[in-house]
Amino acid sequence: MKGILSILSGLILLLCVASATAKNQAQTQVQPAQQTPKGDVSQKRKMSNSAFPVQISKMGNALKIQSDHNQILPVYTQSGAFYMVMRLNKGTNWLSGLPRGRYFINNRIVSIGL
């Protein structure tokens, strides 16, 4: 029963994040993000990030994402458009299959296949 409630709450949160992002994109024009010296996204951007810290490392064209908590991690394209949301489990998570390009993940720039 706990597992079903956990999955349902994750799906509801996922729908809320996607709905809010779509609503924000429909109401405002997204300007391209600017990179600061540390690779952080400008604070003027309205991008969501994870609720808890994550460690992201690149292994070839896949990303290894380590999290101490179950959480949701949104992924944005280089232009700042919402691309997808990834549900992270506690521990090691892998993200592969992203097309070549640059992405903002947790307010950091990550390059895939470049």
Protein backbone atom coordinates (compact mmCIF):
# COMPACT_ATOMS: atom_id res chain seq x y z
CA MET A 1 0.00 0.00 0.00
CA LYS A 2 2.88 2.39 0.83
CA GLY A 3 4.44 1.71 -2.56
CA ILE A 4 1.24 2.56 -4.41
CA LEU A 5 0.83 5.79 -2.42
CA SER A 6 4.45 6.72 -3.10
CA ILE A 7 4.01 6.15 -6.84
CA LEU A 8 0.74 8.11 -6.90
CA SER A 9 2.23 11.03 -4.99
CA GLY A 10 5.21 11.03 -7.36
CA LEU A 11 2.91 11.09 -10.39
CA ILE A 12 0.82 13.91 -8.92
CA LEU A 13 3.97 15.95 -8.23
CA LEU A 14 5.21 15.24 -11.74
CA LEU A 15 1.92 16.46 -13.23
CA CYS A 16 1.99 19.59 -11.08
CA VAL A 17 5.56 20.45 -12.15
CA ALA A 18 4.76 19.82 -15.84
CA SER A 19 1.50 21.81 -15.62
CA ALA A 20 3.14 24.76 -13.88
CA THR A 21 6.02 24.76 -16.36
CA ALA A 22 3.67 24.66 -19.34
CA LYS A 23 1.59 27.48 -17.86
CA ASN A 24 4.70 29.62 -17.26
CA GLN A 25 5.95 28.99 -20.80
CA ALA A 26 2.57 29.96 -22.24
CA GLN A 27 2.47 33.21 -20.26
CA THR A 28 6.05 34.40 -20.68
CA GLN A 29 8.58 34.31 -23.45
CA VAL A 30 11.66 32.35 -22.40
CA GLN A 31 14.95 34.14 -22.97
CA PRO A 32 18.12 32.09 -23.56
CA ALA A 33 20.00 31.40 -20.34
CA GLN A 34 23.34 33.05 -19.74
CA GLN A 35 26.22 31.13 -18.24
CA THR A 36 28.00 32.61 -15.24
CA PRO A 37 31.67 31.81 -14.60
CA LYS A 38 30.79 28.84 -12.35
CA GLY A 39 28.27 27.42 -14.84
CA ASP A 40 25.25 28.44 -12.76
CA VAL A 41 22.09 29.65 -14.42
CA SER A 42 21.37 33.32 -13.90
CA GLN A 43 19.15 33.89 -10.86
CA LYS A 44 16.68 35.81 -13.06
CA ARG A 45 15.59 32.52 -14.69
CA LYS A 46 12.54 30.71 -13.39
CA MET A 47 13.78 27.14 -13.66
CA SER A 48 12.92 24.55 -11.07
CA ASN A 49 15.65 22.49 -9.51
CA SER A 50 15.70 19.49 -7.21
CA ALA A 51 14.50 19.83 -3.63
CA PHE A 52 17.66 18.22 -2.24
CA PRO A 53 21.29 18.30 -3.45
CA VAL A 54 22.35 15.83 -6.15
CA GLN A 55 25.74 14.85 -7.55
CA ILE A 56 25.88 14.65 -11.35
CA SER A 57 28.75 13.01 -13.20
CA LYS A 58 29.08 12.20 -16.89
CA MET A 59 29.93 8.67 -18.04
CA GLY A 60 30.18 8.75 -21.84
CA ASN A 61 26.76 9.88 -23.09
CA ALA A 62 25.00 8.83 -19.87
CA LEU A 63 24.64 10.79 -16.66
CA LYS A 64 25.14 9.25 -13.24
CA ILE A 65 22.98 11.12 -10.73
CA GLN A 66 23.34 10.37 -7.02
CA SER A 67 20.71 11.50 -4.55
CA ASP A 68 20.23 11.01 -0.82
CA HIS A 69 16.44 11.34 -1.21
CA ASN A 70 13.61 10.30 -3.52
CA GLN A 71 12.81 13.39 -5.57
CA ILE A 72 11.99 14.85 -8.96
CA LEU A 73 14.66 16.46 -11.16
CA PRO A 74 13.54 18.69 -14.07
CA VAL A 75 15.69 18.90 -17.22
CA TYR A 76 15.74 21.99 -19.47
CA THR A 77 17.21 22.54 -22.94
CA GLN A 78 19.95 25.08 -23.58
CA SER A 79 17.32 27.64 -24.59
CA GLY A 80 15.59 27.22 -21.22
CA ALA A 81 12.60 25.22 -22.50
CA PHE A 82 11.34 22.42 -20.26
CA TYR A 83 12.47 19.07 -21.73
CA MET A 84 11.57 16.37 -19.21
CA VAL A 85 11.36 15.49 -15.56
CA MET A 86 13.21 12.56 -14.03
CA ARG A 87 12.09 10.77 -10.90
CA LEU A 88 15.15 10.06 -8.75
CA ASN A 89 15.32 7.26 -6.23
CA LYS A 90 17.59 7.35 -3.23
CA GLY A 91 21.05 6.25 -4.35
CA THR A 92 22.44 6.03 -7.89
CA ASN A 93 20.27 6.88 -10.90
CA TRP A 94 21.22 6.77 -14.59
CA LEU A 95 19.96 9.07 -17.33
CA SER A 96 20.77 8.06 -20.90
CA GLY A 97 19.24 8.54 -24.31
CA LEU A 98 19.29 12.34 -24.30
CA PRO A 99 19.90 13.81 -27.78
CA ARG A 100 23.18 15.65 -28.36
CA GLY A 101 23.20 19.12 -26.89
CA ARG A 102 23.49 21.16 -23.76
CA TYR A 103 21.01 20.88 -20.92
CA PHE A 104 20.36 22.64 -17.64
CA ILE A 105 20.05 20.09 -14.87
CA ASN A 106 19.76 21.43 -11.33
CA ASN A 107 20.95 24.86 -12.54
CA ARG A 108 24.13 23.41 -14.04
CA ILE A 109 25.05 23.10 -17.71
CA VAL A 110 25.56 19.49 -18.83
CA SER A 111 26.82 18.70 -22.36
CA ILE A 112 25.84 15.44 -24.03
CA GLY A 113 27.78 14.20 -27.05
CA LEU A 114 29.62 17.49 -27.63
